[in-house]
Amino acid sequence: MVKDVLGPDTVIAGFYSYGEISPLRPFDNCVLHNQTITITTINEITQNGN
């Protein structure tokens, strides 16, 4: 699904978690988010723009 948006040549890294504790809004109380996905993307631009 991620490569459908970013393209097939995109290198991705990340993880799937069964829980994260953080606020829903800044300065709110922390709550448990049942499932979380973290994705890291890195883009390299060459000198010729490709």
Protein backbone atom coordinates (compact mmCIF):
# COMPACT_ATOMS: atom_id res chain seq x y z
CA MET A 1 0.00 0.00 0.00
CA VAL A 2 2.84 2.44 0.79
CA LYS A 3 4.67 1.65 -2.45
CA ASP A 4 1.41 2.28 -4.35
CA VAL A 5 1.67 5.91 -3.21
CA LEU A 6 5.47 6.41 -3.23
CA GLY A 7 6.33 4.25 -6.26
CA PRO A 8 7.90 0.81 -6.71
CA ASP A 9 11.53 2.04 -6.62
CA THR A 10 11.14 3.60 -3.17
CA VAL A 11 13.16 2.04 -0.34
CA ILE A 12 11.21 2.07 2.92
CA ALA A 13 11.84 0.99 6.49
CA GLY A 14 9.58 0.94 9.50
CA PHE A 15 7.77 -1.20 12.02
CA TYR A 16 4.32 -2.20 13.19
CA SER A 17 3.56 -1.93 16.90
CA TYR A 18 0.78 -3.27 19.11
CA GLY A 19 0.70 -0.24 21.33
CA GLU A 20 1.93 3.27 21.80
CA ILE A 21 1.23 5.56 24.72
CA SER A 22 0.95 9.23 23.78
CA PRO A 23 -1.53 12.12 23.85
CA LEU A 24 -4.11 12.53 21.09
CA ARG A 25 -3.57 16.32 21.11
CA PRO A 26 -0.70 18.44 22.45
CA PHE A 27 -0.77 18.75 26.26
CA ASP A 28 -3.61 16.16 26.61
CA ASN A 29 -3.42 13.16 28.92
CA CYS A 30 -1.62 10.15 27.45
CA VAL A 31 -3.75 7.28 26.14
CA LEU A 32 -3.01 3.88 24.60
CA HIS A 33 -3.15 3.72 20.81
CA ASN A 34 -3.89 0.07 20.07
CA GLN A 35 -1.92 -0.27 16.82
CA THR A 36 0.69 2.04 15.29
CA ILE A 37 2.68 1.99 12.05
CA THR A 38 5.89 3.99 11.70
CA ILE A 39 7.35 4.50 8.22
CA THR A 40 10.67 6.16 7.39
CA THR A 41 11.38 7.40 3.88
CA ILE A 42 14.63 8.86 2.59
CA ASN A 43 14.92 10.76 -0.68
CA GLU A 44 18.18 11.24 -2.56
CA ILE A 45 18.45 13.94 -5.21
CA THR A 46 21.26 13.55 -7.72
CA GLN A 47 23.03 16.39 -9.50
CA ASN A 48 21.15 15.87 -12.74
CA GLY A 49 17.78 16.00 -10.91
CA ASN A 50 16.86 12.33 -11.36
